[in-house]
Amino acid sequence: MQSRNKILNAHPGFSKNILAYNTITKKWFIHDILDTKIPVTALSFRNQDNFVIVSGEISPGIRTPKVQAFQIAEAAHPFGLLNYGVLATYLCISVLIGLYFSRKQRSTEDYFTGGGRIPWWASGLSVFGTLLSAITFMAIPAKAFITDWSYFMLNMTAILITPVIAYIFIPYFAKLRISTAYEFLENRFNYTARALGSLSFILFQLGRIGIVLLLPSLAVSIVTGIPVEACILLMGILCIIYTAFGGIEAVIWTDVMQVIVLMGGSVLAIIWIMLHTEANFGEMLDYASESNKFNIMNMELNFTDSTFWVVFIGGLASALVTQGTDQTIVQRYLTSRNIKDSQKTVYTNAIMTLPATIIFFGIGTLLFIFYSEMPDRLSPSITNNDSIFPWYIVKELPIGVSGLLVAGIFSAAMSSISSSLNSVSTAFCSDFYQHFRPEIADLRLLRIARLATITTGILGVLFALWMASSNIKSLWDEFYRYLGLFTGGLGGMFLLGMLTKKANAKGTLVGFVFSGVLIYYISNYTTINFLMYAFFGLVSCFVFGYVFSLIIKNKKQNGPQI
């Protein structure tokens, strides 16, 4: 059941009370008190937002022919002028940052890599902020609230993969002095491999922009009453403006601001929940433990559910693909002055990930405890899983603070979107446009880059508006499903190029195609968990690519370039 609360008249006899049952906390509470008694022994059913009661006894032995409908109150909570003011101020600051850095964008080097002016710690926070996004900020507390900590190891795999990125991937990228991650594929194999890799990345980012735009829009709309379409358009337009003008510098420094606000606000939310919950900390731990909320490792050897093996193996593959081949992350390494600074960037993200993961899973568990004590504070109209934390923010936190955190939700989404916009622009200009127009003047290419940023943003906004009418229960699940489908094989291509000498262009490309066919089959005709898609894509591309490279010989055998 997607709905958190089930409405039911559970009182014996003839009552005016409408009771609700929270299907997650398993608590009953009085949702509303009517002016008239509710008929009993009646046929009742739900019709959209209404509960319809047909006939029923209005007094002992006397039935009524009436059909009555009761509407569930809207979840939207008055946001308030102060909160709107805080939100508007925060969003204006983001745009002003973009306009400030626009005067420094005199070349494509400035636009794509910041001209070497960005310190490693800012790049590291930007990587963390890009990977954090609104998906983490809302969906992880929702997962912990509804289920347990079984996805905790997914974030831990991002830490475990860090040495591989720092000491294998980054030295390759630095040695080759590449402008995009996919330039490595051309250097190692051929331009077709580069074009396929870059195209896979661009298609994935278009979908990611749509998902990241839609997720906070749905949640914020439910709890504030701001229309979903208005949220999507507001975030999308502002992102396009400051990214198109400010380039990578504007993206990174808005990321830094976003990380500070979100992490500070999350800590504040934890403190606020604990101060307004009757149980002490020890009692909270006991209750959460008794409710199996701290389950991290389901060691069952089952690849259809979110067991430890699925989360761990699939998480490692997803983390390798994201941190090693995703241009939105690789571009942060390229802004650093040298290899050591690039390695510091990736380790900054790793250091931030552990406490952030504990905080966000902890918020979900604390919300479960809070709403177990006070189930009437969670509206039955909250039917979107990812709206749980935003509902608490708007309903329970002080005015002004809640406005800042809602602004933080917007900013978290905008941070990830702006990263995608700038990186897609980089990939398009470097991997496609400049390849066919190598003589193009740099200032002309800078204008093309800005146009590509605007076009990508418009397409992402349109995709989000289209998805707004779709019935998607968890966009976090959809994000990881999309990640595995589009980018798993890409990780296999990179590993073939870095770890083997015998892999050649033809064999690798055939392996990439076979990998795509396999992942399509697995996703449509098996029950394998979506977290495994990236793993099967990576491994199958590596194996198929290596085998076909042995069968199909190139006239010129390529080897690793370092």
Protein backbone atom coordinates (compact mmCIF):
# COMPACT_ATOMS: atom_id res chain seq x y z
CA MET A 1 0.00 0.00 0.00
CA GLN A 2 1.46 3.33 -1.05
CA SER A 3 -0.73 5.42 1.26
CA ARG A 4 0.64 5.92 4.74
CA ASN A 5 -2.77 6.01 6.44
CA LYS A 6 -5.94 4.06 5.89
CA ILE A 7 -9.19 5.82 6.80
CA LEU A 8 -11.76 3.70 8.60
CA ASN A 9 -14.66 4.13 11.00
CA ALA A 10 -13.60 1.58 13.58
CA HIS A 11 -15.71 2.59 16.59
CA PRO A 12 -18.37 0.05 17.62
CA GLY A 13 -21.95 1.30 17.47
CA PHE A 14 -22.73 4.73 16.07
CA SER A 15 -19.83 7.15 16.24
CA LYS A 16 -18.94 10.59 14.88
CA ASN A 17 -15.23 9.74 14.88
CA ILE A 18 -13.35 8.88 11.71
CA LEU A 19 -10.36 6.76 12.61
CA ALA A 20 -7.22 6.38 10.53
CA TYR A 21 -4.67 3.58 10.60
CA ASN A 22 -1.04 4.28 9.73
CA THR A 23 0.16 1.26 7.76
CA ILE A 24 3.84 1.97 8.54
CA THR A 25 3.78 2.76 12.27
CA LYS A 26 0.73 0.47 12.76
CA LYS A 27 -1.03 3.05 14.93
CA TRP A 28 -4.72 4.07 15.11
CA PHE A 29 -5.75 7.69 15.69
CA ILE A 30 -8.80 9.93 15.38
CA HIS A 31 -8.50 11.69 12.02
CA ASP A 32 -11.68 13.78 12.16
CA ILE A 33 -14.93 14.24 14.11
CA LEU A 34 -18.10 14.75 12.07
CA ASP A 35 -21.28 16.64 12.97
CA THR A 36 -23.43 13.55 12.39
CA LYS A 37 -22.97 9.91 13.27
CA ILE A 38 -21.56 7.61 10.61
CA PRO A 39 -23.79 4.68 9.47
CA VAL A 40 -22.59 1.20 10.44
CA THR A 41 -22.83 -2.16 8.65
CA ALA A 42 -22.46 -0.18 5.43
CA LEU A 43 -20.74 -0.79 2.12
CA SER A 44 -17.84 1.65 1.81
CA PHE A 45 -15.13 2.19 -0.77
CA ARG A 46 -12.58 4.78 -1.84
CA ASN A 47 -13.16 6.90 -4.94
CA GLN A 48 -10.06 9.01 -5.65
CA ASP A 49 -9.85 11.40 -2.65
CA ASN A 50 -13.32 10.53 -1.32
CA PHE A 51 -14.62 7.70 0.86
CA VAL A 52 -18.12 6.69 -0.20
CA ILE A 53 -20.55 5.07 2.27
CA VAL A 54 -23.63 3.38 0.74
CA SER A 55 -26.68 3.04 3.00
CA GLY A 56 -26.02 1.55 6.47
CA GLU A 57 -27.73 1.66 9.86
CA ILE A 58 -28.21 5.13 11.34
CA SER A 59 -29.75 3.66 14.50
CA PRO A 60 -30.38 0.09 15.70
CA GLY A 61 -32.38 -1.77 13.01
CA ILE A 62 -32.97 1.34 10.88
CA ARG A 63 -31.11 1.73 7.57
CA THR A 64 -30.78 4.84 5.43
CA PRO A 65 -31.03 4.95 1.61
CA LYS A 66 -28.49 7.81 1.47
CA VAL A 67 -25.10 7.59 -0.21
CA GLN A 68 -22.57 9.78 1.61
CA ALA A 69 -19.08 10.88 0.57
CA PHE A 70 -16.35 12.08 2.91
CA GLN A 71 -13.34 13.87 1.49
CA ILE A 72 -9.87 13.52 3.00
CA ALA A 73 -8.46 16.93 3.90
CA GLU A 74 -5.69 18.17 1.67
CA ALA A 75 -2.19 17.66 3.06
CA ALA A 76 -0.99 21.07 1.93
CA HIS A 77 0.07 23.20 4.89
CA PRO A 78 0.13 27.02 4.72
CA PHE A 79 3.69 27.91 3.84
CA GLY A 80 3.57 31.49 5.11
CA LEU A 81 5.00 34.78 3.83
CA LEU A 82 8.22 34.44 5.85
CA ASN A 83 8.94 31.02 4.37
CA TYR A 84 8.21 32.29 0.87
CA GLY A 85 10.56 35.20 1.53
CA VAL A 86 13.35 32.88 2.68
CA LEU A 87 12.80 30.63 -0.36
CA ALA A 88 12.85 33.57 -2.78
CA THR A 89 16.00 35.04 -1.17
CA TYR A 90 17.84 31.73 -1.33
CA LEU A 91 16.97 31.15 -4.97
CA CYS A 92 17.97 34.73 -5.86
CA ILE A 93 21.38 34.16 -4.23
CA SER A 94 21.89 31.10 -6.47
CA VAL A 95 21.17 33.17 -9.56
CA LEU A 96 23.41 36.02 -8.36
CA ILE A 97 26.30 33.57 -7.91
CA GLY A 98 25.87 32.57 -11.54
CA LEU A 99 25.78 36.17 -12.70
CA TYR A 100 28.86 37.02 -10.62
CA PHE A 101 30.95 34.29 -12.24
CA SER A 102 29.60 35.05 -15.71
CA ARG A 103 32.11 37.91 -16.03
CA LYS A 104 34.98 35.40 -15.66
CA GLN A 105 33.78 33.14 -18.49
CA ARG A 106 36.05 34.34 -21.29
CA SER A 107 36.92 30.93 -22.79
CA THR A 108 35.75 27.32 -22.89
CA GLU A 109 38.50 26.50 -20.38
CA ASP A 110 36.87 28.92 -17.94
CA TYR A 111 33.39 27.59 -18.73
CA PHE A 112 34.21 23.88 -18.48
CA THR A 113 37.04 23.67 -15.90
CA GLY A 114 37.06 27.03 -14.09
CA GLY A 115 40.44 28.06 -15.44
CA GLY A 116 42.24 26.31 -12.56
CA ARG A 117 40.79 28.77 -10.02
CA ILE A 118 38.71 26.28 -8.01
CA PRO A 119 40.29 24.85 -4.79
CA TRP A 120 40.18 21.09 -4.27
CA TRP A 121 38.00 21.30 -1.15
CA ALA A 122 35.31 23.20 -3.06
CA SER A 123 35.44 20.62 -5.86
CA GLY A 124 35.17 17.85 -3.25
CA LEU A 125 32.12 19.44 -1.65
CA SER A 126 30.67 19.88 -5.14
CA VAL A 127 31.11 16.16 -5.89
CA PHE A 128 29.39 15.37 -2.58
CA GLY A 129 26.60 17.86 -3.31
CA THR A 130 26.05 16.52 -6.83
CA LEU A 131 25.84 12.93 -5.60
CA LEU A 132 23.71 14.00 -2.62
CA SER A 133 20.93 15.77 -4.55
CA ALA A 134 17.29 15.96 -3.56
CA ILE A 135 17.02 12.22 -4.20
CA THR A 136 19.20 11.48 -1.16
CA PHE A 137 17.75 14.27 0.97
CA MET A 138 14.18 13.01 0.70
CA ALA A 139 14.21 9.45 -0.58
CA ILE A 140 16.65 7.94 1.94
CA PRO A 141 14.69 9.18 5.01
CA ALA A 142 11.56 7.84 3.28
CA LYS A 143 13.21 4.44 2.74
CA ALA A 144 14.34 4.29 6.38
CA PHE A 145 10.88 5.38 7.57
CA ILE A 146 9.02 2.78 5.51
CA THR A 147 11.49 -0.12 5.73
CA ASP A 148 14.89 -0.22 7.47
CA TRP A 149 18.59 0.50 6.91
CA SER A 150 19.06 -2.26 4.31
CA TYR A 151 20.20 0.31 1.72
CA PHE A 152 22.85 1.71 4.09
CA MET A 153 25.62 -0.32 2.42
CA LEU A 154 24.76 1.25 -0.92
CA ASN A 155 26.37 4.50 0.20
CA MET A 156 29.22 2.67 1.88
CA THR A 157 30.19 1.17 -1.48
CA ALA A 158 30.78 4.74 -2.70
CA ILE A 159 33.45 5.02 0.02
CA LEU A 160 34.97 1.61 -0.69
CA ILE A 161 35.40 2.38 -4.39
CA THR A 162 37.30 5.64 -3.68
CA PRO A 163 40.86 4.16 -3.82
CA VAL A 164 40.09 2.62 -7.23
CA ILE A 165 39.01 6.01 -8.55
CA ALA A 166 41.91 7.85 -6.91
CA TYR A 167 44.73 5.55 -8.01
CA ILE A 168 43.50 4.03 -11.30
CA PHE A 169 41.05 6.40 -13.00
CA ILE A 170 42.37 9.83 -11.97
CA PRO A 171 46.02 9.15 -13.04
CA TYR A 172 44.75 8.07 -16.49
CA PHE A 173 42.67 11.21 -16.90
CA ALA A 174 45.48 13.48 -15.70
CA LYS A 175 48.14 11.81 -17.89
CA LEU A 176 46.05 12.19 -21.05
CA ARG A 177 45.01 15.81 -20.27
CA ILE A 178 41.48 15.03 -21.42
CA SER A 179 38.56 17.44 -21.58
CA THR A 180 35.89 14.75 -21.03
CA ALA A 181 36.00 11.24 -19.60
CA TYR A 182 35.05 9.81 -23.00
CA GLU A 183 38.10 11.27 -24.69
CA PHE A 184 39.97 8.42 -22.98
CA LEU A 185 37.90 5.93 -24.99
CA GLU A 186 39.02 7.49 -28.27
CA ASN A 187 42.65 7.53 -27.14
CA ARG A 188 42.46 3.87 -26.15
CA PHE A 189 40.11 2.54 -28.83
CA ASN A 190 38.59 4.83 -31.49
CA TYR A 191 36.19 7.73 -31.97
CA THR A 192 33.15 5.42 -32.22
CA ALA A 193 33.79 4.23 -28.66
CA ARG A 194 34.07 7.83 -27.50
CA ALA A 195 30.87 8.83 -29.28
CA LEU A 196 28.92 5.86 -27.86
CA GLY A 197 30.18 6.56 -24.35
CA SER A 198 29.36 10.24 -24.55
CA LEU A 199 25.94 9.59 -26.09
CA SER A 200 25.09 7.11 -23.31
CA PHE A 201 26.07 9.74 -20.76
CA ILE A 202 23.99 12.48 -22.43
CA LEU A 203 20.87 10.28 -22.64
CA PHE A 204 21.26 9.26 -19.01
CA GLN A 205 21.63 12.88 -17.91
CA LEU A 206 18.48 13.94 -19.75
CA GLY A 207 16.55 11.33 -17.79
CA ARG A 208 18.35 12.22 -14.57
CA ILE A 209 17.48 15.90 -14.95
CA GLY A 210 13.82 14.97 -15.32
CA ILE A 211 13.85 12.71 -12.26
CA VAL A 212 15.75 15.17 -10.07
CA LEU A 213 13.40 17.98 -11.11
CA LEU A 214 10.26 15.95 -10.49
CA LEU A 215 11.12 14.36 -7.13
CA PRO A 216 11.34 17.52 -5.00
CA SER A 217 8.53 19.14 -6.98
CA LEU A 218 6.12 16.35 -6.07
CA ALA A 219 7.10 16.42 -2.42
CA VAL A 220 7.13 20.19 -2.03
CA SER A 221 3.82 20.49 -3.86
CA ILE A 222 2.10 18.04 -1.53
CA VAL A 223 3.22 19.78 1.65
CA THR A 224 3.06 23.43 0.57
CA GLY A 225 0.38 23.52 -2.10
CA ILE A 226 2.74 24.99 -4.74
CA PRO A 227 1.76 23.32 -8.06
CA VAL A 228 4.13 20.59 -9.26
CA GLU A 229 4.48 22.22 -12.67
CA ALA A 230 5.35 25.57 -11.07
CA CYS A 231 8.11 23.93 -8.99
CA ILE A 232 9.56 22.20 -12.05
CA LEU A 233 9.53 25.38 -14.12
CA LEU A 234 10.97 27.51 -11.29
CA MET A 235 13.91 25.22 -10.62
CA GLY A 236 14.51 24.46 -14.28
CA ILE A 237 14.54 28.08 -15.43
CA LEU A 238 16.77 29.29 -12.58
CA CYS A 239 19.22 26.43 -13.20
CA ILE A 240 19.40 27.21 -16.89
CA ILE A 241 20.08 30.90 -16.18
CA TYR A 242 22.93 30.58 -13.69
CA THR A 243 24.55 27.56 -15.36
CA ALA A 244 24.43 29.05 -18.85
CA PHE A 245 26.06 32.29 -17.66
CA GLY A 246 28.28 31.17 -14.77
CA GLY A 247 29.73 27.89 -16.07
CA ILE A 248 31.38 25.32 -13.82
CA GLU A 249 32.46 27.92 -11.23
CA ALA A 250 28.86 28.95 -10.57
CA VAL A 251 27.87 25.28 -10.37
CA ILE A 252 30.59 24.41 -7.84
CA TRP A 253 30.11 27.41 -5.55
CA THR A 254 26.32 26.98 -5.44
CA ASP A 255 27.03 23.33 -4.59
CA VAL A 256 29.15 24.45 -1.63
CA MET A 257 26.34 26.68 -0.37
CA GLN A 258 23.82 23.88 -0.83
CA VAL A 259 25.90 21.33 1.13
CA ILE A 260 26.28 23.73 4.07
CA VAL A 261 22.53 24.48 4.19
CA LEU A 262 21.37 20.88 3.74
CA MET A 263 23.74 19.28 6.21
CA GLY A 264 23.20 22.04 8.79
CA GLY A 265 19.45 21.79 8.32
CA SER A 266 19.51 18.00 8.59
CA VAL A 267 21.39 18.14 11.89
CA LEU A 268 18.90 20.74 13.14
CA ALA A 269 16.01 18.47 12.11
CA ILE A 270 17.49 15.57 14.10
CA ILE A 271 17.88 17.75 17.19
CA TRP A 272 14.33 19.11 16.79
CA ILE A 273 12.80 15.63 16.46
CA MET A 274 14.64 14.36 19.54
CA LEU A 275 13.62 17.39 21.60
CA HIS A 276 9.96 16.94 20.65
CA THR A 277 9.73 13.20 21.16
CA GLU A 278 8.64 11.92 24.56
CA ALA A 279 10.98 8.92 24.62
CA ASN A 280 14.59 9.38 25.67
CA PHE A 281 17.46 8.32 23.40
CA GLY A 282 17.78 4.86 24.93
CA GLU A 283 14.05 4.21 24.58
CA MET A 284 14.20 5.38 20.97
CA LEU A 285 16.96 2.90 20.19
CA ASP A 286 15.04 0.07 21.87
CA TYR A 287 11.80 0.87 20.03
CA ALA A 288 13.54 1.17 16.66
CA SER A 289 15.40 -2.08 17.29
CA GLU A 290 12.20 -3.89 18.28
CA SER A 291 10.62 -2.60 15.05
CA ASN A 292 13.57 -4.02 13.04
CA LYS A 293 14.55 -0.57 11.80
CA PHE A 294 18.30 -1.16 12.13
CA ASN A 295 18.42 -4.15 9.83
CA ILE A 296 21.45 -3.53 7.58
CA MET A 297 22.50 -6.93 6.32
CA ASN A 298 20.02 -9.46 4.98
CA MET A 299 22.51 -12.20 4.17
CA GLU A 300 20.04 -14.30 2.19
CA LEU A 301 21.50 -15.31 -1.18
CA ASN A 302 18.66 -13.78 -3.14
CA PHE A 303 19.20 -11.41 -6.08
CA THR A 304 15.58 -10.35 -6.50
CA ASP A 305 15.27 -8.40 -3.21
CA SER A 306 17.42 -5.73 -1.56
CA THR A 307 19.63 -8.23 0.27
CA PHE A 308 23.16 -7.41 1.40
CA TRP A 309 24.65 -9.05 -1.69
CA VAL A 310 22.43 -7.10 -4.07
CA VAL A 311 23.09 -3.77 -2.34
CA PHE A 312 26.83 -4.39 -1.93
CA ILE A 313 27.64 -5.83 -5.37
CA GLY A 314 25.24 -3.57 -7.25
CA GLY A 315 26.39 -0.58 -5.22
CA LEU A 316 30.06 -1.15 -6.02
CA ALA A 317 29.29 -1.28 -9.74
CA SER A 318 27.07 1.82 -9.59
CA ALA A 319 29.68 3.74 -7.59
CA LEU A 320 32.45 2.76 -10.01
CA VAL A 321 30.38 3.86 -13.00
CA THR A 322 29.26 7.11 -11.37
CA GLN A 323 32.59 8.25 -9.92
CA GLY A 324 34.80 6.89 -12.68
CA THR A 325 32.91 7.53 -15.94
CA ASP A 326 30.21 10.12 -15.23
CA GLN A 327 31.29 13.45 -16.71
CA THR A 328 29.46 15.39 -13.96
CA ILE A 329 31.94 13.91 -11.46
CA VAL A 330 35.00 13.54 -13.69
CA GLN A 331 34.71 17.22 -14.60
CA ARG A 332 35.35 18.07 -10.93
CA TYR A 333 38.63 16.15 -11.09
CA LEU A 334 39.58 18.10 -14.20
CA THR A 335 39.13 21.44 -12.41
CA SER A 336 41.98 20.53 -10.05
CA ARG A 337 45.52 21.73 -10.72
CA ASN A 338 47.22 18.33 -10.34
CA ILE A 339 46.67 14.64 -9.53
CA LYS A 340 47.04 15.13 -5.78
CA ASP A 341 44.32 17.78 -5.71
CA SER A 342 42.05 15.55 -7.80
CA GLN A 343 42.60 12.71 -5.32
CA LYS A 344 41.83 15.08 -2.43
CA THR A 345 38.59 15.95 -4.23
CA VAL A 346 37.41 12.35 -4.37
CA TYR A 347 38.48 11.66 -0.78
CA THR A 348 36.59 14.74 0.42
CA ASN A 349 33.44 13.18 -0.96
CA ALA A 350 34.25 9.88 0.76
CA ILE A 351 34.81 11.57 4.12
CA MET A 352 31.50 13.43 3.87
CA THR A 353 29.50 10.38 2.75
CA LEU A 354 29.66 8.35 5.98
CA PRO A 355 28.28 10.95 8.43
CA ALA A 356 25.75 12.12 5.84
CA THR A 357 24.46 8.57 5.35
CA ILE A 358 24.07 8.07 9.10
CA ILE A 359 22.26 11.41 9.35
CA PHE A 360 19.77 10.71 6.57
CA PHE A 361 18.99 7.14 7.61
CA GLY A 362 18.77 8.39 11.20
CA ILE A 363 16.21 11.01 10.19
CA GLY A 364 14.01 8.33 8.65
CA THR A 365 14.16 6.22 11.81
CA LEU A 366 13.49 9.21 14.06
CA LEU A 367 10.50 10.17 11.93
CA PHE A 368 9.16 6.64 12.38
CA ILE A 369 9.47 7.03 16.17
CA PHE A 370 7.96 10.54 16.12
CA TYR A 371 4.92 9.51 14.07
CA SER A 372 4.50 6.35 16.12
CA GLU A 373 4.07 8.55 19.20
CA MET A 374 1.93 11.13 17.37
CA PRO A 375 0.32 9.37 14.37
CA ASP A 376 -2.29 12.12 13.99
CA ARG A 377 0.48 14.54 12.91
CA LEU A 378 0.98 12.67 9.62
CA SER A 379 -1.76 13.52 7.14
CA PRO A 380 -3.60 10.64 5.40
CA SER A 381 -3.19 12.61 2.16
CA ILE A 382 0.57 11.96 2.15
CA THR A 383 0.50 9.29 -0.56
CA ASN A 384 3.95 9.98 -2.01
CA ASN A 385 6.63 8.11 -0.09
CA ASP A 386 9.23 10.82 -0.64
CA SER A 387 7.07 13.52 0.96
CA ILE A 388 7.51 12.27 4.53
CA PHE A 389 10.51 14.42 5.45
CA PRO A 390 9.31 17.57 3.64
CA TRP A 391 5.96 17.18 5.44
CA TYR A 392 7.78 17.16 8.79
CA ILE A 393 9.87 20.17 7.75
CA VAL A 394 6.88 22.29 6.82
CA LYS A 395 4.56 21.10 9.58
CA GLU A 396 6.87 20.83 12.59
CA LEU A 397 9.92 23.08 12.17
CA PRO A 398 9.75 26.79 13.07
CA ILE A 399 8.70 29.23 10.36
CA GLY A 400 11.76 30.55 8.57
CA VAL A 401 13.79 27.44 9.36
CA SER A 402 11.31 25.33 7.39
CA GLY A 403 11.50 27.86 4.55
CA LEU A 404 15.28 27.58 4.50
CA LEU A 405 15.15 23.77 4.39
CA VAL A 406 12.56 23.77 1.61
CA ALA A 407 14.87 26.18 -0.20
CA GLY A 408 17.61 23.67 0.49
CA ILE A 409 15.52 20.96 -1.17
CA PHE A 410 15.17 23.16 -4.23
CA SER A 411 18.88 23.93 -4.13
CA ALA A 412 19.82 20.26 -3.80
CA ALA A 413 17.88 19.50 -6.94
CA MET A 414 19.25 22.54 -8.72
CA SER A 415 22.80 21.57 -7.76
CA SER A 416 22.52 18.18 -9.45
CA ILE A 417 20.67 19.64 -12.44
CA SER A 418 23.22 22.40 -12.99
CA SER A 419 26.03 19.83 -12.84
CA SER A 420 24.24 17.78 -15.49
CA LEU A 421 23.63 20.83 -17.69
CA ASN A 422 27.26 21.95 -17.63
CA SER A 423 28.60 18.43 -18.15
CA VAL A 424 26.25 17.63 -21.04
CA SER A 425 27.31 20.91 -22.65
CA THR A 426 30.96 19.92 -22.20
CA ALA A 427 30.38 16.45 -23.64
CA PHE A 428 28.44 17.77 -26.63
CA CYS A 429 31.02 20.45 -27.48
CA SER A 430 34.15 18.34 -26.90
CA ASP A 431 32.99 14.91 -28.04
CA PHE A 432 30.80 15.90 -31.00
CA TYR A 433 30.78 19.52 -32.18
CA GLN A 434 34.51 20.16 -31.91
CA HIS A 435 35.29 16.78 -33.48
CA PHE A 436 33.49 17.74 -36.69
CA ARG A 437 34.44 21.45 -36.52
CA PRO A 438 38.03 21.40 -35.16
CA GLU A 439 38.80 24.83 -36.63
CA ILE A 440 36.04 26.60 -34.68
CA ALA A 441 37.10 29.71 -32.74
CA ASP A 442 37.04 29.38 -28.95
CA LEU A 443 34.60 32.26 -28.39
CA ARG A 444 32.24 30.73 -30.95
CA LEU A 445 32.49 27.37 -29.14
CA LEU A 446 31.71 29.15 -25.85
CA ARG A 447 28.46 30.45 -27.37
CA ILE A 448 27.65 26.94 -28.63
CA ALA A 449 28.29 25.61 -25.10
CA ARG A 450 25.81 28.08 -23.62
CA LEU A 451 23.24 27.19 -26.27
CA ALA A 452 23.75 23.48 -25.53
CA THR A 453 23.21 24.19 -21.81
CA ILE A 454 19.93 25.99 -22.52
CA THR A 455 18.71 23.27 -24.92
CA THR A 456 19.54 20.48 -22.46
CA GLY A 457 17.72 22.33 -19.68
CA ILE A 458 14.60 22.78 -21.78
CA LEU A 459 14.54 19.08 -22.74
CA GLY A 460 15.00 18.07 -19.08
CA VAL A 461 12.15 20.34 -17.96
CA LEU A 462 9.84 18.92 -20.64
CA PHE A 463 10.74 15.38 -19.57
CA ALA A 464 9.98 16.22 -15.92
CA LEU A 465 6.62 17.74 -16.88
CA TRP A 466 5.80 14.57 -18.84
CA MET A 467 6.76 12.32 -15.92
CA ALA A 468 4.66 14.43 -13.53
CA SER A 469 1.57 12.67 -14.87
CA SER A 470 3.10 9.20 -14.38
CA ASN A 471 2.42 7.02 -11.33
CA ILE A 472 5.93 6.39 -9.96
CA LYS A 473 6.06 5.18 -6.35
CA SER A 474 9.74 5.81 -5.69
CA LEU A 475 11.86 7.97 -7.97
CA TRP A 476 14.96 6.85 -6.06
CA ASP A 477 14.33 3.31 -7.34
CA GLU A 478 13.76 4.66 -10.83
CA PHE A 479 17.03 6.60 -10.71
CA TYR A 480 19.11 3.50 -9.91
CA ARG A 481 17.21 1.45 -12.48
CA TYR A 482 17.96 4.10 -15.10
CA LEU A 483 21.60 4.25 -13.99
CA GLY A 484 22.08 0.52 -14.49
CA LEU A 485 20.34 0.40 -17.85
CA PHE A 486 22.27 3.25 -19.45
CA THR A 487 25.73 3.27 -17.92
CA GLY A 488 26.69 -0.24 -16.76
CA GLY A 489 28.26 -1.19 -20.10
CA LEU A 490 30.08 2.14 -20.16
CA GLY A 491 31.96 1.18 -16.99
CA GLY A 492 32.97 -2.08 -18.63
CA MET A 493 34.48 -0.19 -21.58
CA PHE A 494 36.59 1.96 -19.27
CA LEU A 495 37.87 -1.06 -17.33
CA LEU A 496 38.71 -2.88 -20.56
CA GLY A 497 40.79 0.09 -21.65
CA MET A 498 42.59 0.55 -18.34
CA LEU A 499 43.15 -3.01 -17.14
CA THR A 500 43.79 -5.05 -20.31
CA LYS A 501 46.27 -4.88 -23.18
CA LYS A 502 44.46 -7.24 -25.53
CA ALA A 503 41.14 -5.40 -25.66
CA ASN A 504 40.69 -3.69 -29.04
CA ALA A 505 38.15 -1.30 -30.51
CA LYS A 506 36.04 -3.78 -32.49
CA GLY A 507 35.86 -6.35 -29.72
CA THR A 508 35.02 -3.74 -27.09
CA LEU A 509 32.23 -2.21 -29.18
CA VAL A 510 30.70 -5.62 -29.88
CA GLY A 511 30.90 -6.36 -26.16
CA PHE A 512 29.16 -3.06 -25.40
CA VAL A 513 26.28 -3.94 -27.76
CA PHE A 514 25.93 -7.47 -26.36
CA SER A 515 25.96 -6.02 -22.83
CA GLY A 516 23.09 -3.69 -23.74
CA VAL A 517 21.05 -6.58 -25.13
CA LEU A 518 21.68 -8.63 -21.98
CA ILE A 519 20.64 -5.79 -19.65
CA TYR A 520 17.49 -5.20 -21.73
CA TYR A 521 16.61 -8.89 -21.34
CA ILE A 522 17.33 -8.92 -17.60
CA SER A 523 15.26 -5.79 -16.97
CA ASN A 524 12.24 -6.97 -18.95
CA TYR A 525 12.16 -10.74 -18.53
CA THR A 526 13.64 -11.49 -15.10
CA THR A 527 12.92 -10.47 -11.50
CA ILE A 528 16.54 -9.57 -10.72
CA ASN A 529 16.72 -6.47 -8.52
CA PHE A 530 17.33 -3.22 -10.42
CA LEU A 531 20.43 -2.49 -8.30
CA MET A 532 22.17 -5.37 -10.09
CA TYR A 533 21.72 -3.86 -13.55
CA ALA A 534 24.89 -1.78 -13.34
CA PHE A 535 26.89 -4.82 -12.16
CA PHE A 536 25.67 -7.10 -14.96
CA GLY A 537 26.18 -4.31 -17.49
CA LEU A 538 29.76 -3.67 -16.35
CA VAL A 539 30.80 -7.33 -16.05
CA SER A 540 29.11 -8.49 -19.27
CA CYS A 541 30.67 -5.66 -21.29
CA PHE A 542 34.10 -6.47 -19.84
CA VAL A 543 33.78 -10.23 -20.49
CA PHE A 544 32.16 -9.96 -23.93
CA GLY A 545 34.55 -7.21 -24.95
CA TYR A 546 37.61 -9.19 -23.94
CA VAL A 547 36.44 -12.42 -25.60
CA PHE A 548 35.49 -10.69 -28.85
CA SER A 549 38.80 -8.81 -28.81
CA LEU A 550 40.58 -12.17 -28.83
CA ILE A 551 38.41 -13.33 -31.74
CA ILE A 552 38.38 -10.10 -33.76
CA LYS A 553 41.92 -8.88 -34.25
CA ASN A 554 42.69 -5.24 -35.04
CA LYS A 555 45.46 -4.49 -37.49
CA LYS A 556 46.85 -2.07 -34.92
CA GLN A 557 46.77 -3.36 -31.37
CA ASN A 558 46.20 -0.70 -28.78
CA GLY A 559 47.52 -0.82 -25.27
CA PRO A 560 47.03 1.16 -22.11
CA GLN A 561 48.34 4.71 -22.40
CA ILE A 562 50.00 4.93 -19.03
